[in-house]
């Protein structure tokens, strides 16, 4: 019994260019919003070390900033 030839898959082509490094689409983001802040800062640091940009609002953002984690203002990210 003969097996059929395997299909060769080609990458999908898109009319859009790949995102440029440093743009919203080229980065990985994590939105953190929690009520229990225990362990939040070490967790956020691990995400930063893994290459994520942390986004947060309100009290969570204040806690992260007080812990030394860089948190860009969310309005800067959502209102270009």
PDB file of N, CA and C in Angstrom:
ATOM      1  N   UNK A   1       0.838  -1.165   0.000  1.00  0.00           N
ATOM      2  CA  UNK A   1       0.000   0.000   0.000  1.00  0.00           C
ATOM      3  C   UNK A   1       0.892   1.240   0.000  1.00  0.00           C
ATOM      4  N   UNK A   2       0.634   2.127  -0.921  1.00  0.00           N
ATOM      5  CA  UNK A   2       1.436   3.343  -1.030  1.00  0.00           C
ATOM      6  C   UNK A   2       0.751   4.486  -0.286  1.00  0.00           C
ATOM      7  N   UNK A   3       1.561   5.262   0.395  1.00  0.00           N
ATOM      8  CA  UNK A   3       1.039   6.431   1.109  1.00  0.00           C
ATOM      9  C   UNK A   3       1.110   7.648   0.199  1.00  0.00           C
ATOM     10  N   UNK A   4       0.157   8.549   0.295  1.00  0.00           N
ATOM     11  CA  UNK A   4       0.186   9.744  -0.553  1.00  0.00           C
ATOM     12  C   UNK A   4       1.341  10.664  -0.152  1.00  0.00           C
ATOM     13  N   UNK A   5       1.762  11.479  -1.095  1.00  0.00           N
ATOM     14  CA  UNK A   5       2.820  12.455  -0.823  1.00  0.00           C
ATOM     15  C   UNK A   5       2.335  13.439   0.240  1.00  0.00           C
ATOM     16  N   UNK A   6       3.197  13.795   1.173  1.00  0.00           N
ATOM     17  CA  UNK A   6       2.767  14.788   2.161  1.00  0.00           C
ATOM     18  C   UNK A   6       2.586  16.153   1.510  1.00  0.00           C
ATOM     19  N   UNK A   7       1.624  16.883   2.004  1.00  0.00           N
ATOM     20  CA  UNK A   7       1.407  18.232   1.484  1.00  0.00           C
ATOM     21  C   UNK A   7       2.507  19.155   1.979  1.00  0.00           C
ATOM     22  N   UNK A   8       2.851  20.088   1.139  1.00  0.00           N
ATOM     23  CA  UNK A   8       3.830  21.090   1.547  1.00  0.00           C
ATOM     24  C   UNK A   8       3.080  22.373   1.855  1.00  0.00           C
ATOM     25  N   UNK A   9       3.227  22.793   3.051  1.00  0.00           N
ATOM     26  CA  UNK A   9       2.542  24.012   3.468  1.00  0.00           C
ATOM     27  C   UNK A   9       3.469  25.207   3.293  1.00  0.00           C
ATOM     28  N   UNK A  10       2.936  26.252   2.749  1.00  0.00           N
ATOM     29  CA  UNK A  10       3.709  27.480   2.602  1.00  0.00           C
ATOM     30  C   UNK A  10       3.173  28.503   3.586  1.00  0.00           C
ATOM     31  N   UNK A  11       4.033  29.392   4.037  1.00  0.00           N
ATOM     32  CA  UNK A  11       3.548  30.409   4.973  1.00  0.00           C
ATOM     33  C   UNK A  11       2.458  31.257   4.332  1.00  0.00           C
ATOM     34  N   UNK A  12       1.521  31.659   5.135  1.00  0.00           N
ATOM     35  CA  UNK A  12       0.458  32.525   4.627  1.00  0.00           C
ATOM     36  C   UNK A  12       1.043  33.867   4.222  1.00  0.00           C
ATOM     37  N   UNK A  13       0.578  34.374   3.130  1.00  0.00           N
ATOM     38  CA  UNK A  13       1.038  35.688   2.687  1.00  0.00           C
ATOM     39  C   UNK A  13      -0.023  36.706   3.072  1.00  0.00           C
ATOM     40  N   UNK A  14       0.441  37.856   3.483  1.00  0.00           N
ATOM     41  CA  UNK A  14      -0.469  38.897   3.933  1.00  0.00           C
ATOM     42  C   UNK A  14      -0.131  40.207   3.238  1.00  0.00           C
ATOM     43  N   UNK A  15      -1.138  41.021   2.965  1.00  0.00           N
ATOM     44  CA  UNK A  15      -0.850  42.330   2.376  1.00  0.00           C
ATOM     45  C   UNK A  15      -0.234  43.290   3.389  1.00  0.00           C
ATOM     46  N   UNK A  16      -0.196  42.890   4.660  1.00  0.00           N
ATOM     47  CA  UNK A  16       0.332  43.758   5.709  1.00  0.00           C
ATOM     48  C   UNK A  16       1.794  43.435   5.966  1.00  0.00           C
ATOM     49  N   UNK A  17       2.553  44.452   6.316  1.00  0.00           N
ATOM     50  CA  UNK A  17       3.953  44.245   6.653  1.00  0.00           C
ATOM     51  C   UNK A  17       4.053  43.758   8.088  1.00  0.00           C
ATOM     52  N   UNK A  18       5.132  43.075   8.365  1.00  0.00           N
ATOM     53  CA  UNK A  18       5.368  42.625   9.731  1.00  0.00           C
ATOM     54  C   UNK A  18       5.543  43.842  10.629  1.00  0.00           C
ATOM     55  N   UNK A  19       5.092  43.753  11.871  1.00  0.00           N
ATOM     56  CA  UNK A  19       5.215  44.901  12.756  1.00  0.00           C
ATOM     57  C   UNK A  19       6.672  45.263  13.017  1.00  0.00           C
ATOM     58  N   UNK A  20       6.910  46.536  13.142  1.00  0.00           N
ATOM     59  CA  UNK A  20       8.248  47.027  13.428  1.00  0.00           C
ATOM     60  C   UNK A  20       8.486  46.914  14.920  1.00  0.00           C
ATOM     61  N   UNK A  21       9.676  46.489  15.286  1.00  0.00           N
ATOM     62  CA  UNK A  21       9.986  46.327  16.706  1.00  0.00           C
ATOM     63  C   UNK A  21       9.732  47.645  17.433  1.00  0.00           C
ATOM     64  N   UNK A  22       9.117  47.547  18.583  1.00  0.00           N
ATOM     65  CA  UNK A  22       8.820  48.735  19.358  1.00  0.00           C
ATOM     66  C   UNK A  22       7.402  49.255  19.160  1.00  0.00           C
ATOM     67  N   UNK A  23       6.667  48.676  18.229  1.00  0.00           N
ATOM     68  CA  UNK A  23       5.281  49.094  18.040  1.00  0.00           C
ATOM     69  C   UNK A  23       4.380  48.231  18.906  1.00  0.00           C
ATOM     70  N   UNK A  24       3.137  48.617  19.002  1.00  0.00           N
ATOM     71  CA  UNK A  24       2.194  47.896  19.847  1.00  0.00           C
ATOM     72  C   UNK A  24       2.107  46.424  19.470  1.00  0.00           C
ATOM     73  N   UNK A  25       2.137  46.104  18.175  1.00  0.00           N
ATOM     74  CA  UNK A  25       1.969  44.715  17.749  1.00  0.00           C
ATOM     75  C   UNK A  25       3.229  43.882  17.906  1.00  0.00           C
ATOM     76  N   UNK A  26       4.399  44.525  17.985  1.00  0.00           N
ATOM     77  CA  UNK A  26       5.646  43.771  18.053  1.00  0.00           C
ATOM     78  C   UNK A  26       5.990  43.356  19.476  1.00  0.00           C
ATOM     79  N   UNK A  27       5.383  43.988  20.478  1.00  0.00           N
ATOM     80  CA  UNK A  27       5.690  43.680  21.869  1.00  0.00           C
ATOM     81  C   UNK A  27       4.669  42.721  22.456  1.00  0.00           C
ATOM     82  N   UNK A  28       5.072  42.101  23.552  1.00  0.00           N
ATOM     83  CA  UNK A  28       4.150  41.241  24.285  1.00  0.00           C
ATOM     84  C   UNK A  28       3.705  42.012  25.520  1.00  0.00           C
ATOM     85  N   UNK A  29       2.423  42.021  25.763  1.00  0.00           N
ATOM     86  CA  UNK A  29       1.865  42.792  26.862  1.00  0.00           C
ATOM     87  C   UNK A  29       1.158  41.886  27.855  1.00  0.00           C
ATOM     88  N   UNK A  30       1.180  42.311  29.123  1.00  0.00           N
ATOM     89  CA  UNK A  30       0.425  41.639  30.175  1.00  0.00           C
ATOM     90  C   UNK A  30      -0.365  42.707  30.917  1.00  0.00           C
ATOM     91  N   UNK A  31      -1.670  42.545  30.972  1.00  0.00           N
ATOM     92  CA  UNK A  31      -2.534  43.468  31.703  1.00  0.00           C
ATOM     93  C   UNK A  31      -2.786  42.871  33.081  1.00  0.00           C
ATOM     94  N   UNK A  32      -2.320  43.574  34.106  1.00  0.00           N
ATOM     95  CA  UNK A  32      -2.473  43.091  35.473  1.00  0.00           C
ATOM     96  C   UNK A  32      -3.462  43.981  36.214  1.00  0.00           C
ATOM     97  N   UNK A  33      -4.467  43.368  36.805  1.00  0.00           N
ATOM     98  CA  UNK A  33      -5.445  44.069  37.628  1.00  0.00           C
ATOM     99  C   UNK A  33      -5.929  43.084  38.682  1.00  0.00           C
ATOM    100  N   UNK A  34      -5.488  43.287  39.907  1.00  0.00           N
ATOM    101  CA  UNK A  34      -5.811  42.335  40.973  1.00  0.00           C
ATOM    102  C   UNK A  34      -6.292  43.076  42.214  1.00  0.00           C
ATOM    103  N   UNK A  35      -7.093  42.410  43.031  1.00  0.00           N
ATOM    104  CA  UNK A  35      -7.517  43.006  44.298  1.00  0.00           C
ATOM    105  C   UNK A  35      -6.554  42.618  45.418  1.00  0.00           C
ATOM    106  N   UNK A  36      -6.038  41.396  45.391  1.00  0.00           N
ATOM    107  CA  UNK A  36      -5.072  40.941  46.388  1.00  0.00           C
ATOM    108  C   UNK A  36      -3.675  41.169  45.827  1.00  0.00           C
ATOM    109  N   UNK A  37      -2.954  42.134  46.383  1.00  0.00           N
ATOM    110  CA  UNK A  37      -1.655  42.541  45.837  1.00  0.00           C
ATOM    111  C   UNK A  37      -0.488  41.690  46.351  1.00  0.00           C
ATOM    112  N   UNK A  38      -0.750  40.701  47.205  1.00  0.00           N
ATOM    113  CA  UNK A  38       0.323  39.854  47.736  1.00  0.00           C
ATOM    114  C   UNK A  38       1.027  39.114  46.611  1.00  0.00           C
ATOM    115  N   UNK A  39       2.345  39.280  46.526  1.00  0.00           N
ATOM    116  CA  UNK A  39       3.132  38.583  45.513  1.00  0.00           C
ATOM    117  C   UNK A  39       3.070  39.201  44.133  1.00  0.00           C
ATOM    118  N   UNK A  40       2.396  40.330  43.999  1.00  0.00           N
ATOM    119  CA  UNK A  40       2.222  40.946  42.683  1.00  0.00           C
ATOM    120  C   UNK A  40       3.536  41.442  42.092  1.00  0.00           C
ATOM    121  N   UNK A  41       4.341  42.144  42.892  1.00  0.00           N
ATOM    122  CA  UNK A  41       5.572  42.744  42.367  1.00  0.00           C
ATOM    123  C   UNK A  41       6.557  41.678  41.873  1.00  0.00           C
ATOM    124  N   UNK A  42       6.835  40.615  42.634  1.00  0.00           N
ATOM    125  CA  UNK A  42       7.744  39.588  42.099  1.00  0.00           C
ATOM    126  C   UNK A  42       7.204  38.927  40.825  1.00  0.00           C
ATOM    127  N   UNK A  43       5.891  38.709  40.782  1.00  0.00           N
ATOM    128  CA  UNK A  43       5.282  38.120  39.589  1.00  0.00           C
ATOM    129  C   UNK A  43       5.462  39.037  38.387  1.00  0.00           C
ATOM    130  N   UNK A  44       5.213  40.336  38.581  1.00  0.00           N
ATOM    131  CA  UNK A  44       5.364  41.302  37.491  1.00  0.00           C
ATOM    132  C   UNK A  44       6.816  41.388  37.034  1.00  0.00           C
ATOM    133  N   UNK A  45       7.756  41.311  37.969  1.00  0.00           N
ATOM    134  CA  UNK A  45       9.182  41.334  37.596  1.00  0.00           C
ATOM    135  C   UNK A  45       9.536  40.127  36.728  1.00  0.00           C
ATOM    136  N   UNK A  46       8.982  38.969  37.054  1.00  0.00           N
ATOM    137  CA  UNK A  46       9.234  37.778  36.233  1.00  0.00           C
ATOM    138  C   UNK A  46       8.690  37.980  34.827  1.00  0.00           C
ATOM    139  N   UNK A  47       7.525  38.583  34.709  1.00  0.00           N
ATOM    140  CA  UNK A  47       6.971  38.867  33.383  1.00  0.00           C
ATOM    141  C   UNK A  47       7.872  39.835  32.620  1.00  0.00           C
ATOM    142  N   UNK A  48       8.362  40.875  33.303  1.00  0.00           N
ATOM    143  CA  UNK A  48       9.273  41.834  32.660  1.00  0.00           C
ATOM    144  C   UNK A  48      10.546  41.139  32.195  1.00  0.00           C
ATOM    145  N   UNK A  49      11.089  40.267  33.034  1.00  0.00           N
ATOM    146  CA  UNK A  49      12.304  39.527  32.665  1.00  0.00           C
ATOM    147  C   UNK A  49      12.063  38.629  31.462  1.00  0.00           C
ATOM    148  N   UNK A  50      10.818  38.178  31.279  1.00  0.00           N
ATOM    149  CA  UNK A  50      10.472  37.325  30.138  1.00  0.00           C
ATOM    150  C   UNK A  50      10.155  38.139  28.889  1.00  0.00           C
ATOM    151  N   UNK A  51      10.251  39.476  28.994  1.00  0.00           N
ATOM    152  CA  UNK A  51      10.063  40.315  27.817  1.00  0.00           C
ATOM    153  C   UNK A  51       8.698  40.961  27.676  1.00  0.00           C
ATOM    154  N   UNK A  52       7.877  40.863  28.705  1.00  0.00           N
ATOM    155  CA  UNK A  52       6.548  41.468  28.642  1.00  0.00           C
ATOM    156  C   UNK A  52       6.589  42.925  29.079  1.00  0.00           C
ATOM    157  N   UNK A  53       5.727  43.732  28.495  1.00  0.00           N
ATOM    158  CA  UNK A  53       5.474  45.091  28.954  1.00  0.00           C
ATOM    159  C   UNK A  53       4.226  45.005  29.822  1.00  0.00           C
ATOM    160  N   UNK A  54       4.320  45.518  31.039  1.00  0.00           N
ATOM    161  CA  UNK A  54       3.210  45.434  31.980  1.00  0.00           C
ATOM    162  C   UNK A  54       2.285  46.629  31.789  1.00  0.00           C
ATOM    163  N   UNK A  55       1.003  46.373  31.694  1.00  0.00           N
ATOM    164  CA  UNK A  55      -0.021  47.415  31.657  1.00  0.00           C
ATOM    165  C   UNK A  55      -0.906  47.240  32.877  1.00  0.00           C
ATOM    166  N   UNK A  56      -1.299  48.353  33.475  1.00  0.00           N
ATOM    167  CA  UNK A  56      -2.161  48.284  34.634  1.00  0.00           C
ATOM    168  C   UNK A  56      -2.793  49.647  34.882  1.00  0.00           C
ATOM    169  N   UNK A  57      -3.851  49.651  35.663  1.00  0.00           N
ATOM    170  CA  UNK A  57      -4.518  50.904  36.023  1.00  0.00           C
ATOM    171  C   UNK A  57      -4.736  50.938  37.526  1.00  0.00           C
ATOM    172  N   UNK A  58      -5.045  52.110  38.037  1.00  0.00           N
ATOM    173  CA  UNK A  58      -5.463  52.277  39.422  1.00  0.00           C
ATOM    174  C   UNK A  58      -4.476  51.809  40.463  1.00  0.00           C
ATOM    175  N   UNK A  59      -5.013  51.164  41.490  1.00  0.00           N
ATOM    176  CA  UNK A  59      -4.212  50.731  42.627  1.00  0.00           C
ATOM    177  C   UNK A  59      -3.153  49.711  42.269  1.00  0.00           C
ATOM    178  N   UNK A  60      -3.446  48.861  41.313  1.00  0.00           N
ATOM    179  CA  UNK A  60      -2.456  47.871  40.885  1.00  0.00           C
ATOM    180  C   UNK A  60      -1.247  48.570  40.282  1.00  0.00           C
ATOM    181  N   UNK A  61      -1.470  49.585  39.460  1.00  0.00           N
ATOM    182  CA  UNK A  61      -0.362  50.334  38.855  1.00  0.00           C
ATOM    183  C   UNK A  61       0.456  51.044  39.926  1.00  0.00           C
ATOM    184  N   UNK A  62      -0.209  51.608  40.928  1.00  0.00           N
ATOM    185  CA  UNK A  62       0.502  52.289  42.015  1.00  0.00           C
ATOM    186  C   UNK A  62       1.363  51.311  42.798  1.00  0.00           C
ATOM    187  N   UNK A  63       0.827  50.126  43.068  1.00  0.00           N
ATOM    188  CA  UNK A  63       1.583  49.108  43.788  1.00  0.00           C
ATOM    189  C   UNK A  63       2.808  48.680  42.990  1.00  0.00           C
ATOM    190  N   UNK A  64       2.634  48.474  41.692  1.00  0.00           N
ATOM    191  CA  UNK A  64       3.758  48.071  40.847  1.00  0.00           C
ATOM    192  C   UNK A  64       4.814  49.167  40.780  1.00  0.00           C
ATOM    193  N   UNK A  65       4.390  50.413  40.608  1.00  0.00           N
ATOM    194  CA  UNK A  65       5.340  51.527  40.539  1.00  0.00           C
ATOM    195  C   UNK A  65       6.096  51.673  41.857  1.00  0.00           C
ATOM    196  N   UNK A  66       5.399  51.517  42.987  1.00  0.00           N
ATOM    197  CA  UNK A  66       6.054  51.599  44.293  1.00  0.00           C
ATOM    198  C   UNK A  66       7.054  50.465  44.480  1.00  0.00           C
ATOM    199  N   UNK A  67       6.802  49.334  43.822  1.00  0.00           N
ATOM    200  CA  UNK A  67       7.707  48.189  43.899  1.00  0.00           C
ATOM    201  C   UNK A  67       8.828  48.235  42.875  1.00  0.00           C
ATOM    202  N   UNK A  68       8.876  49.306  42.082  1.00  0.00           N
ATOM    203  CA  UNK A  68       9.968  49.457  41.117  1.00  0.00           C
ATOM    204  C   UNK A  68       9.729  48.820  39.766  1.00  0.00           C
ATOM    205  N   UNK A  69       8.496  48.441  39.476  1.00  0.00           N
ATOM    206  CA  UNK A  69       8.167  47.855  38.175  1.00  0.00           C
ATOM    207  C   UNK A  69       7.658  48.972  37.266  1.00  0.00           C
ATOM    208  N   UNK A  70       8.271  49.101  36.096  1.00  0.00           N
ATOM    209  CA  UNK A  70       7.869  50.149  35.153  1.00  0.00           C
ATOM    210  C   UNK A  70       6.495  49.831  34.579  1.00  0.00           C
ATOM    211  N   UNK A  71       5.569  50.766  34.737  1.00  0.00           N
ATOM    212  CA  UNK A  71       4.209  50.601  34.224  1.00  0.00           C
ATOM    213  C   UNK A  71       3.863  51.848  33.412  1.00  0.00           C
ATOM    214  N   UNK A  72       3.824  51.728  32.072  1.00  0.00           N
ATOM    215  CA  UNK A  72       3.453  52.910  31.283  1.00  0.00           C
ATOM    216  C   UNK A  72       1.982  53.245  31.505  1.00  0.00           C
ATOM    217  N   UNK A  73       1.636  54.532  31.441  1.00  0.00           N
ATOM    218  CA  UNK A  73       0.223  54.898  31.596  1.00  0.00           C
ATOM    219  C   UNK A  73      -0.637  54.227  30.524  1.00  0.00           C
ATOM    220  N   UNK A  74      -1.722  53.603  30.933  1.00  0.00           N
ATOM    221  CA  UNK A  74      -2.580  52.883  29.998  1.00  0.00           C
ATOM    222  C   UNK A  74      -3.163  53.825  28.955  1.00  0.00           C
ATOM    223  N   UNK A  75      -3.486  55.071  29.343  1.00  0.00           N
ATOM    224  CA  UNK A  75      -4.053  55.994  28.362  1.00  0.00           C
ATOM    225  C   UNK A  75      -3.057  56.307  27.249  1.00  0.00           C
ATOM    226  N   UNK A  76      -1.771  56.240  27.542  1.00  0.00           N
ATOM    227  CA  UNK A  76      -0.762  56.438  26.501  1.00  0.00           C
ATOM    228  C   UNK A  76      -0.785  55.291  25.491  1.00  0.00           C
ATOM    229  N   UNK A  77      -1.132  54.102  25.956  1.00  0.00           N
ATOM    230  CA  UNK A  77      -1.152  52.931  25.084  1.00  0.00           C
ATOM    231  C   UNK A  77      -2.453  52.842  24.289  1.00  0.00           C
ATOM    232  N   UNK A  78      -3.552  53.345  24.856  1.00  0.00           N
ATOM    233  CA  UNK A  78      -4.845  53.184  24.193  1.00  0.00           C
ATOM    234  C   UNK A  78      -5.277  54.406  23.395  1.00  0.00           C
ATOM    235  N   UNK A  79      -4.668  55.556  23.650  1.00  0.00           N
ATOM    236  CA  UNK A  79      -4.992  56.786  22.923  1.00  0.00           C
ATOM    237  C   UNK A  79      -3.740  57.309  22.232  1.00  0.00           C
ATOM    238  N   UNK A  80      -3.466  56.854  21.022  1.00  0.00           N
ATOM    239  CA  UNK A  80      -2.218  57.254  20.348  1.00  0.00           C
ATOM    240  C   UNK A  80      -2.148  58.726  20.026  1.00  0.00           C
TER     241      UNK A  80
END
